[in-house]
Amino acid sequence: MKPTPRASVADVEFSFSDLKYMFECPYQFKLRVLYGFNAPIQRPMGYGKSLHDALAEVHYRAMDGKPVDVDSVPELVERHLRTPYAFGQLREDLEKAARRDIRKYIEDNKDRFDQIEFSEQNVEVNLGDGVRIRGRIDLVRRTDTNEVTIVDLKSNERSQEEEVTEHQLHTYALGYEELTGRDADFVEIYELREGEARPRAVDEEFMDDVRKKTRSAAKSLRSLRLTPTPSKRKCGACDFSSLCGASKA
C-alpha cells in the first residue's frame, strides 16, 4: 500500500487574504501562497496600506477621546504615505488623492467616531479539526442601541467576485463573534475614493457557508488538490493568468 501522510492531524491556518485567494481560485492560492509568486510591482503600491494606517490613527485618536478634524490631514498623509515606487507626478497625484480621501472620510464619519468599538482588531476563528482563520478587522462600530457593524475599508478599484466579497465580510463576522461572544448585525464595505458605504445585514446562511467552504479549503490544501476555477472576469484580472493553462484555454 502506498504510504500517505496523516493529513487529518495537520493544522491548517488561513489568513483572511489566504481565504480570499482560495475562494477566488485555488490555483491562484497555490501560486501566490504556496509557491511564493509575487504579483507584478505596481507603481502606486503601498497607497492602500498607507490610507489604512492613517485612518487607523484617526480611529485610535477618536477612541482615546482626542479631537480629530480635517486640519490634521496633511500631517497624517506626510507621516503615513509610503509609496516606494511612485515618483514625480504620480507621487504628487497620490498625495493629493490621499488628502482628499482622508479629508472626505473624516467629514462624512466624524459624527460616528464615538461609536468605534475596535480598530485594526486581530481576530481568530477556530473551526475545529485543526482549522483556524486569523486576520484583522479594519473597524467595528457599535451604536447606542447595541447594533454592531463590521466595516471593511476599500482603497482601490481591483474587483473581485461578489460571492468572494460576501464570504470575506462574513468571515469578519465570525471573527467578531469568536472575539466577543456577540453577533454582528451588519457588514459594510466602505469605498474610500467615493466615500460610499454599502452595508448589508449579516446572513446566517452565509456564515454557515463560510464555515463549510473553509473546511473544504483546508481539505483541498491538505490533499494539494488546488485546481483552477477559471472565468472570464477572474482570469482577466488575475496576476498569474499567463502561468495558468486553464486561463489561456
C-alpha atoms as a PDB file:
ATOM      1  CA  MET A   1       0.000   0.000   0.000  1.00  0.00           C
ATOM      2  CA  LYS A   2       1.302   3.424  -0.947  1.00  0.00           C
ATOM      3  CA  PRO A   3       2.253   5.400   2.179  1.00  0.00           C
ATOM      4  CA  THR A   4       0.249   8.583   2.809  1.00  0.00           C
ATOM      5  CA  PRO A   5       0.753  11.308   5.403  1.00  0.00           C
ATOM      6  CA  ARG A   6      -1.600  11.609   8.358  1.00  0.00           C
ATOM      7  CA  ALA A   7      -3.112  14.749   6.896  1.00  0.00           C
ATOM      8  CA  SER A   8      -6.088  14.620   9.236  1.00  0.00           C
ATOM      9  CA  VAL A   9      -3.959  15.796  12.159  1.00  0.00           C
ATOM     10  CA  ALA A  10      -2.143  18.560  10.283  1.00  0.00           C
ATOM     11  CA  ASP A  11      -3.059  22.062  11.365  1.00  0.00           C
ATOM     12  CA  VAL A  12      -4.219  24.495   8.693  1.00  0.00           C
ATOM     13  CA  GLU A  13      -4.189  28.215   9.342  1.00  0.00           C
ATOM     14  CA  PHE A  14      -5.562  30.699   6.832  1.00  0.00           C
ATOM     15  CA  SER A  15      -5.248  34.452   6.905  1.00  0.00           C
ATOM     16  CA  PHE A  16      -8.184  36.495   5.650  1.00  0.00           C
ATOM     17  CA  SER A  17      -6.184  37.174   2.459  1.00  0.00           C
ATOM     18  CA  ASP A  18      -5.376  33.478   2.033  1.00  0.00           C
ATOM     19  CA  LEU A  19      -9.062  32.634   2.128  1.00  0.00           C
ATOM     20  CA  LYS A  20      -9.896  35.381  -0.346  1.00  0.00           C
ATOM     21  CA  TYR A  21      -7.421  33.907  -2.826  1.00  0.00           C
ATOM     22  CA  MET A  22      -8.575  30.349  -2.116  1.00  0.00           C
ATOM     23  CA  PHE A  23     -12.254  31.200  -2.589  1.00  0.00           C
ATOM     24  CA  GLU A  24     -11.458  33.143  -5.763  1.00  0.00           C
ATOM     25  CA  CYS A  25      -9.342  30.386  -7.299  1.00  0.00           C
ATOM     26  CA  PRO A  26      -7.427  27.584  -5.512  1.00  0.00           C
ATOM     27  CA  TYR A  27      -4.738  27.576  -8.208  1.00  0.00           C
ATOM     28  CA  GLN A  28      -4.092  31.286  -7.662  1.00  0.00           C
ATOM     29  CA  PHE A  29      -3.722  30.481  -3.942  1.00  0.00           C
ATOM     30  CA  LYS A  30      -1.224  27.747  -4.828  1.00  0.00           C
ATOM     31  CA  LEU A  31       0.931  30.064  -6.948  1.00  0.00           C
ATOM     32  CA  ARG A  32       0.747  33.044  -4.616  1.00  0.00           C
ATOM     33  CA  VAL A  33       0.823  31.480  -1.141  1.00  0.00           C
ATOM     34  CA  LEU A  34       2.477  28.057  -1.508  1.00  0.00           C
ATOM     35  CA  TYR A  35       4.918  28.786  -4.341  1.00  0.00           C
ATOM     36  CA  GLY A  36       5.600  32.378  -3.336  1.00  0.00           C
ATOM     37  CA  PHE A  37       4.986  34.030  -6.700  1.00  0.00           C
ATOM     38  CA  ASN A  38       4.733  37.784  -6.267  1.00  0.00           C
ATOM     39  CA  ALA A  39       2.321  39.951  -8.201  1.00  0.00           C
ATOM     40  CA  PRO A  40       3.926  42.418 -10.646  1.00  0.00           C
ATOM     41  CA  ILE A  41       5.002  45.617  -8.946  1.00  0.00           C
ATOM     42  CA  GLN A  42       2.558  48.449  -9.490  1.00  0.00           C
ATOM     43  CA  ARG A  43       3.899  51.977  -9.181  1.00  0.00           C
ATOM     44  CA  PRO A  44       1.168  53.056  -6.706  1.00  0.00           C
ATOM     45  CA  MET A  45       1.968  50.038  -4.498  1.00  0.00           C
ATOM     46  CA  GLY A  46       1.679  50.942  -0.830  1.00  0.00           C
ATOM     47  CA  TYR A  47      -1.051  53.532  -1.296  1.00  0.00           C
ATOM     48  CA  GLY A  48      -3.822  51.346   0.094  1.00  0.00           C
ATOM     49  CA  LYS A  49      -1.889  50.339   3.198  1.00  0.00           C
ATOM     50  CA  SER A  50      -0.898  53.963   3.762  1.00  0.00           C
ATOM     51  CA  LEU A  51      -4.549  55.025   3.797  1.00  0.00           C
ATOM     52  CA  HIS A  52      -5.415  52.220   6.210  1.00  0.00           C
ATOM     53  CA  ASP A  53      -2.560  53.221   8.534  1.00  0.00           C
ATOM     54  CA  ALA A  54      -3.611  56.881   8.506  1.00  0.00           C
ATOM     55  CA  LEU A  55      -7.248  56.040   9.206  1.00  0.00           C
ATOM     56  CA  ALA A  56      -6.235  53.626  11.954  1.00  0.00           C
ATOM     57  CA  GLU A  57      -4.548  56.574  13.682  1.00  0.00           C
ATOM     58  CA  VAL A  58      -7.721  58.632  13.206  1.00  0.00           C
ATOM     59  CA  HIS A  59      -9.761  55.853  14.812  1.00  0.00           C
ATOM     60  CA  TYR A  60      -7.323  55.359  17.701  1.00  0.00           C
ATOM     61  CA  ARG A  61      -7.377  59.087  18.427  1.00  0.00           C
ATOM     62  CA  ALA A  62     -11.168  59.047  18.447  1.00  0.00           C
ATOM     63  CA  MET A  63     -11.216  56.044  20.787  1.00  0.00           C
ATOM     64  CA  ASP A  64      -8.872  57.925  23.140  1.00  0.00           C
ATOM     65  CA  GLY A  65     -11.243  60.905  23.147  1.00  0.00           C
ATOM     66  CA  LYS A  66      -8.825  63.131  21.241  1.00  0.00           C
ATOM     67  CA  PRO A  67     -10.212  65.591  18.697  1.00  0.00           C
ATOM     68  CA  VAL A  68      -9.955  64.572  15.051  1.00  0.00           C
ATOM     69  CA  ASP A  69     -10.583  67.108  12.299  1.00  0.00           C
ATOM     70  CA  VAL A  70      -9.559  67.839   8.732  1.00  0.00           C
ATOM     71  CA  ASP A  71      -6.767  70.171   9.874  1.00  0.00           C
ATOM     72  CA  SER A  72      -4.723  67.079  10.776  1.00  0.00           C
ATOM     73  CA  VAL A  73      -4.968  65.572   7.278  1.00  0.00           C
ATOM     74  CA  PRO A  74      -1.692  66.975   5.823  1.00  0.00           C
ATOM     75  CA  GLU A  75       0.208  65.720   8.871  1.00  0.00           C
ATOM     76  CA  LEU A  76      -1.408  62.289   8.623  1.00  0.00           C
ATOM     77  CA  VAL A  77      -0.548  61.973   4.938  1.00  0.00           C
ATOM     78  CA  GLU A  78       3.038  63.107   5.463  1.00  0.00           C
ATOM     79  CA  ARG A  79       3.547  60.584   8.260  1.00  0.00           C
ATOM     80  CA  HIS A  80       1.849  57.552   6.731  1.00  0.00           C
ATOM     81  CA  LEU A  81       2.082  57.765   2.931  1.00  0.00           C
ATOM     82  CA  ARG A  82       4.641  55.184   1.793  1.00  0.00           C
ATOM     83  CA  THR A  83       4.747  54.589  -1.976  1.00  0.00           C
ATOM     84  CA  PRO A  84       8.333  53.492  -2.707  1.00  0.00           C
ATOM     85  CA  TYR A  85       7.811  53.028  -6.458  1.00  0.00           C
ATOM     86  CA  ALA A  86       5.941  56.274  -7.146  1.00  0.00           C
ATOM     87  CA  PHE A  87       7.971  59.263  -8.282  1.00  0.00           C
ATOM     88  CA  GLY A  88       7.397  62.696  -9.744  1.00  0.00           C
ATOM     89  CA  GLN A  89       3.869  63.474 -10.879  1.00  0.00           C
ATOM     90  CA  LEU A  90       2.476  60.135  -9.720  1.00  0.00           C
ATOM     91  CA  ARG A  91       3.719  60.732  -6.189  1.00  0.00           C
ATOM     92  CA  GLU A  92       2.118  64.192  -6.193  1.00  0.00           C
ATOM     93  CA  ASP A  93      -1.141  62.728  -7.511  1.00  0.00           C
ATOM     94  CA  LEU A  94      -1.160  60.069  -4.790  1.00  0.00           C
ATOM     95  CA  GLU A  95      -0.549  62.674  -2.084  1.00  0.00           C
ATOM     96  CA  LYS A  96      -3.468  64.741  -3.382  1.00  0.00           C
ATOM     97  CA  ALA A  97      -5.678  61.650  -3.557  1.00  0.00           C
ATOM     98  CA  ALA A  98      -4.739  60.610  -0.008  1.00  0.00           C
ATOM     99  CA  ARG A  99      -5.522  64.061   1.382  1.00  0.00           C
ATOM    100  CA  ARG A 100      -8.830  64.102  -0.498  1.00  0.00           C
ATOM    101  CA  ASP A 101      -9.888  60.604   0.598  1.00  0.00           C
ATOM    102  CA  ILE A 102      -8.922  61.049   4.253  1.00  0.00           C
ATOM    103  CA  ARG A 103     -10.485  64.503   4.461  1.00  0.00           C
ATOM    104  CA  LYS A 104     -13.736  63.232   2.962  1.00  0.00           C
ATOM    105  CA  TYR A 105     -13.766  60.236   5.293  1.00  0.00           C
ATOM    106  CA  ILE A 106     -13.351  62.445   8.385  1.00  0.00           C
ATOM    107  CA  GLU A 107     -16.011  64.909   7.213  1.00  0.00           C
ATOM    108  CA  ASP A 108     -18.513  62.161   6.436  1.00  0.00           C
ATOM    109  CA  ASN A 109     -17.907  59.984   9.523  1.00  0.00           C
ATOM    110  CA  LYS A 110     -16.814  62.255  12.391  1.00  0.00           C
ATOM    111  CA  ASP A 111     -20.293  62.145  13.925  1.00  0.00           C
ATOM    112  CA  ARG A 112     -19.897  58.365  14.305  1.00  0.00           C
ATOM    113  CA  PHE A 113     -16.394  58.303  15.755  1.00  0.00           C
ATOM    114  CA  ASP A 114     -17.843  57.927  19.253  1.00  0.00           C
ATOM    115  CA  GLN A 115     -19.349  54.589  18.119  1.00  0.00           C
ATOM    116  CA  ILE A 116     -15.990  52.920  17.386  1.00  0.00           C
ATOM    117  CA  GLU A 117     -15.542  49.701  19.351  1.00  0.00           C
ATOM    118  CA  PHE A 118     -12.443  48.275  17.627  1.00  0.00           C
ATOM    119  CA  SER A 119      -9.919  49.436  15.042  1.00  0.00           C
ATOM    120  CA  GLU A 120      -7.418  47.121  13.326  1.00  0.00           C
ATOM    121  CA  GLN A 121      -8.543  44.342  15.656  1.00  0.00           C
ATOM    122  CA  ASN A 122      -6.845  40.941  15.416  1.00  0.00           C
ATOM    123  CA  VAL A 123      -9.282  38.029  15.475  1.00  0.00           C
ATOM    124  CA  GLU A 124      -9.133  34.239  15.212  1.00  0.00           C
ATOM    125  CA  VAL A 125     -11.770  31.723  14.176  1.00  0.00           C
ATOM    126  CA  ASN A 126     -11.338  28.109  15.307  1.00  0.00           C
ATOM    127  CA  LEU A 127     -13.348  25.725  13.117  1.00  0.00           C
ATOM    128  CA  GLY A 128     -12.152  22.504  14.737  1.00  0.00           C
ATOM    129  CA  ASP A 129     -10.071  19.668  13.261  1.00  0.00           C
ATOM    130  CA  GLY A 130      -7.007  21.922  13.345  1.00  0.00           C
ATOM    131  CA  VAL A 131      -8.530  24.546  11.034  1.00  0.00           C
ATOM    132  CA  ARG A 132      -8.160  28.207  12.037  1.00  0.00           C
ATOM    133  CA  ILE A 133      -8.585  31.595  10.405  1.00  0.00           C
ATOM    134  CA  ARG A 134      -6.571  34.561  11.623  1.00  0.00           C
ATOM    135  CA  GLY A 135      -6.843  38.111  10.449  1.00  0.00           C
ATOM    136  CA  ARG A 136      -7.602  41.710  11.255  1.00  0.00           C
ATOM    137  CA  ILE A 137     -10.837  43.669  11.067  1.00  0.00           C
ATOM    138  CA  ASP A 138     -10.474  47.262   9.865  1.00  0.00           C
ATOM    139  CA  LEU A 139     -13.218  48.781  12.000  1.00  0.00           C
ATOM    140  CA  VAL A 140     -16.143  47.848  14.252  1.00  0.00           C
ATOM    141  CA  ARG A 141     -18.852  50.336  15.198  1.00  0.00           C
ATOM    142  CA  ARG A 142     -21.445  49.856  17.946  1.00  0.00           C
ATOM    143  CA  THR A 143     -24.441  52.173  18.155  1.00  0.00           C
ATOM    144  CA  ASP A 144     -26.299  53.318  21.265  1.00  0.00           C
ATOM    145  CA  THR A 145     -28.860  50.602  20.534  1.00  0.00           C
ATOM    146  CA  ASN A 146     -26.065  47.967  20.519  1.00  0.00           C
ATOM    147  CA  GLU A 147     -26.239  47.328  16.783  1.00  0.00           C
ATOM    148  CA  VAL A 148     -22.799  46.228  15.563  1.00  0.00           C
ATOM    149  CA  THR A 149     -21.389  46.982  12.105  1.00  0.00           C
ATOM    150  CA  ILE A 150     -18.142  45.482  10.838  1.00  0.00           C
ATOM    151  CA  VAL A 151     -16.516  47.780   8.280  1.00  0.00           C
ATOM    152  CA  ASP A 152     -14.048  46.791   5.559  1.00  0.00           C
ATOM    153  CA  LEU A 153     -12.274  49.859   4.168  1.00  0.00           C
ATOM    154  CA  LYS A 154     -11.557  49.609   0.435  1.00  0.00           C
ATOM    155  CA  SER A 155      -8.987  51.895  -1.142  1.00  0.00           C
ATOM    156  CA  ASN A 156      -8.551  50.506  -4.645  1.00  0.00           C
ATOM    157  CA  GLU A 157     -10.599  49.537  -7.670  1.00  0.00           C
ATOM    158  CA  ARG A 158      -9.376  45.970  -8.120  1.00  0.00           C
ATOM    159  CA  SER A 159     -12.546  43.945  -8.474  1.00  0.00           C
ATOM    160  CA  GLN A 160     -13.333  40.519  -7.127  1.00  0.00           C
ATOM    161  CA  GLU A 161     -16.293  38.213  -7.414  1.00  0.00           C
ATOM    162  CA  GLU A 162     -19.310  39.401  -5.408  1.00  0.00           C
ATOM    163  CA  GLU A 163     -19.592  35.995  -3.751  1.00  0.00           C
ATOM    164  CA  VAL A 164     -15.947  36.238  -2.605  1.00  0.00           C
ATOM    165  CA  THR A 165     -16.654  39.662  -1.102  1.00  0.00           C
ATOM    166  CA  GLU A 166     -19.674  38.298   0.770  1.00  0.00           C
ATOM    167  CA  HIS A 167     -17.676  35.393   2.158  1.00  0.00           C
ATOM    168  CA  GLN A 168     -14.861  37.731   3.182  1.00  0.00           C
ATOM    169  CA  LEU A 169     -17.247  40.024   5.060  1.00  0.00           C
ATOM    170  CA  HIS A 170     -18.916  37.131   6.838  1.00  0.00           C
ATOM    171  CA  THR A 171     -15.522  35.726   7.813  1.00  0.00           C
ATOM    172  CA  TYR A 172     -15.010  39.008   9.662  1.00  0.00           C
ATOM    173  CA  ALA A 173     -18.372  38.480  11.364  1.00  0.00           C
ATOM    174  CA  LEU A 174     -17.242  35.021  12.501  1.00  0.00           C
ATOM    175  CA  GLY A 175     -14.062  36.561  13.899  1.00  0.00           C
ATOM    176  CA  TYR A 176     -16.017  39.183  15.810  1.00  0.00           C
ATOM    177  CA  GLU A 177     -18.318  36.522  17.231  1.00  0.00           C
ATOM    178  CA  GLU A 178     -15.386  34.444  18.482  1.00  0.00           C
ATOM    179  CA  LEU A 179     -13.631  37.523  19.901  1.00  0.00           C
ATOM    180  CA  THR A 180     -16.590  38.943  21.838  1.00  0.00           C
ATOM    181  CA  GLY A 181     -19.169  36.156  22.096  1.00  0.00           C
ATOM    182  CA  ARG A 182     -21.659  38.523  20.443  1.00  0.00           C
ATOM    183  CA  ASP A 183     -23.212  38.530  16.983  1.00  0.00           C
ATOM    184  CA  ALA A 184     -22.592  41.287  14.481  1.00  0.00           C
ATOM    185  CA  ASP A 185     -25.692  42.817  12.911  1.00  0.00           C
ATOM    186  CA  PHE A 186     -24.252  44.335   9.738  1.00  0.00           C
ATOM    187  CA  VAL A 187     -21.209  44.077   7.492  1.00  0.00           C
ATOM    188  CA  GLU A 188     -20.208  47.057   5.398  1.00  0.00           C
ATOM    189  CA  ILE A 189     -17.840  47.839   2.550  1.00  0.00           C
ATOM    190  CA  TYR A 190     -16.693  51.449   2.674  1.00  0.00           C
ATOM    191  CA  GLU A 191     -15.258  52.732  -0.614  1.00  0.00           C
ATOM    192  CA  LEU A 192     -12.817  55.455   0.379  1.00  0.00           C
ATOM    193  CA  ARG A 193     -12.481  57.012  -3.057  1.00  0.00           C
ATOM    194  CA  GLU A 194     -16.215  57.525  -3.486  1.00  0.00           C
ATOM    195  CA  GLY A 195     -16.966  57.980   0.207  1.00  0.00           C
ATOM    196  CA  GLU A 196     -19.691  55.364  -0.250  1.00  0.00           C
ATOM    197  CA  ALA A 197     -20.832  52.923   2.438  1.00  0.00           C
ATOM    198  CA  ARG A 198     -22.515  49.682   1.358  1.00  0.00           C
ATOM    199  CA  PRO A 199     -23.938  47.952   4.444  1.00  0.00           C
ATOM    200  CA  ARG A 200     -25.908  44.736   4.497  1.00  0.00           C
ATOM    201  CA  ALA A 201     -27.379  42.590   7.231  1.00  0.00           C
ATOM    202  CA  VAL A 202     -25.348  39.620   8.420  1.00  0.00           C
ATOM    203  CA  ASP A 203     -26.679  36.484   6.752  1.00  0.00           C
ATOM    204  CA  GLU A 204     -26.593  33.338   8.891  1.00  0.00           C
ATOM    205  CA  GLU A 205     -26.661  31.143   5.785  1.00  0.00           C
ATOM    206  CA  PHE A 206     -23.523  32.890   4.540  1.00  0.00           C
ATOM    207  CA  MET A 207     -21.908  32.343   7.945  1.00  0.00           C
ATOM    208  CA  ASP A 208     -22.596  28.617   7.663  1.00  0.00           C
ATOM    209  CA  ASP A 209     -21.351  28.638   4.071  1.00  0.00           C
ATOM    210  CA  VAL A 210     -18.083  30.281   5.167  1.00  0.00           C
ATOM    211  CA  ARG A 211     -17.534  27.532   7.731  1.00  0.00           C
ATOM    212  CA  LYS A 212     -18.230  24.811   5.168  1.00  0.00           C
ATOM    213  CA  LYS A 213     -16.107  26.379   2.431  1.00  0.00           C
ATOM    214  CA  THR A 214     -13.197  26.989   4.799  1.00  0.00           C
ATOM    215  CA  ARG A 215     -13.226  23.369   5.963  1.00  0.00           C
ATOM    216  CA  SER A 216     -13.402  22.305   2.314  1.00  0.00           C
ATOM    217  CA  ALA A 217     -10.480  24.614   1.509  1.00  0.00           C
ATOM    218  CA  ALA A 218      -8.456  23.046   4.334  1.00  0.00           C
ATOM    219  CA  LYS A 219      -9.233  19.590   2.941  1.00  0.00           C
ATOM    220  CA  SER A 220      -8.082  20.687  -0.529  1.00  0.00           C
ATOM    221  CA  LEU A 221      -4.894  22.152   0.906  1.00  0.00           C
ATOM    222  CA  ARG A 222      -4.089  19.012   2.887  1.00  0.00           C
ATOM    223  CA  SER A 223      -4.503  16.878  -0.228  1.00  0.00           C
ATOM    224  CA  LEU A 224      -2.909  19.533  -2.505  1.00  0.00           C
ATOM    225  CA  ARG A 225      -5.925  19.438  -4.811  1.00  0.00           C
ATOM    226  CA  LEU A 226      -5.739  23.096  -5.791  1.00  0.00           C
ATOM    227  CA  THR A 227      -7.268  23.251  -9.248  1.00  0.00           C
ATOM    228  CA  PRO A 228      -8.126  26.366 -11.286  1.00  0.00           C
ATOM    229  CA  THR A 229     -11.681  27.706 -11.372  1.00  0.00           C
ATOM    230  CA  PRO A 230     -11.471  29.927 -14.467  1.00  0.00           C
ATOM    231  CA  SER A 231     -13.919  32.601 -15.547  1.00  0.00           C
ATOM    232  CA  LYS A 232     -13.503  35.496 -17.937  1.00  0.00           C
ATOM    233  CA  ARG A 233     -13.772  38.100 -15.177  1.00  0.00           C
ATOM    234  CA  LYS A 234     -11.435  36.394 -12.710  1.00  0.00           C
ATOM    235  CA  CYS A 235      -8.793  35.421 -15.246  1.00  0.00           C
ATOM    236  CA  GLY A 236      -8.822  38.864 -16.840  1.00  0.00           C
ATOM    237  CA  ALA A 237      -7.860  40.443 -13.514  1.00  0.00           C
ATOM    238  CA  CYS A 238      -5.504  37.693 -12.286  1.00  0.00           C
ATOM    239  CA  ASP A 239      -1.814  38.484 -11.836  1.00  0.00           C
ATOM    240  CA  PHE A 240      -0.871  34.948 -12.856  1.00  0.00           C
ATOM    241  CA  SER A 241      -3.114  34.252 -15.862  1.00  0.00           C
ATOM    242  CA  SER A 242      -0.080  33.864 -18.133  1.00  0.00           C
ATOM    243  CA  LEU A 243       1.120  30.972 -15.949  1.00  0.00           C
ATOM    244  CA  CYS A 244      -2.192  29.130 -15.997  1.00  0.00           C
ATOM    245  CA  GLY A 245      -3.256  26.819 -18.798  1.00  0.00           C
ATOM    246  CA  ALA A 246      -6.893  26.968 -17.715  1.00  0.00           C
ATOM    247  CA  SER A 247      -6.854  30.748 -18.085  1.00  0.00           C
ATOM    248  CA  LYS A 248      -5.393  30.553 -21.578  1.00  0.00           C
ATOM    249  CA  ALA A 249      -7.940  27.907 -22.566  1.00  0.00           C
END
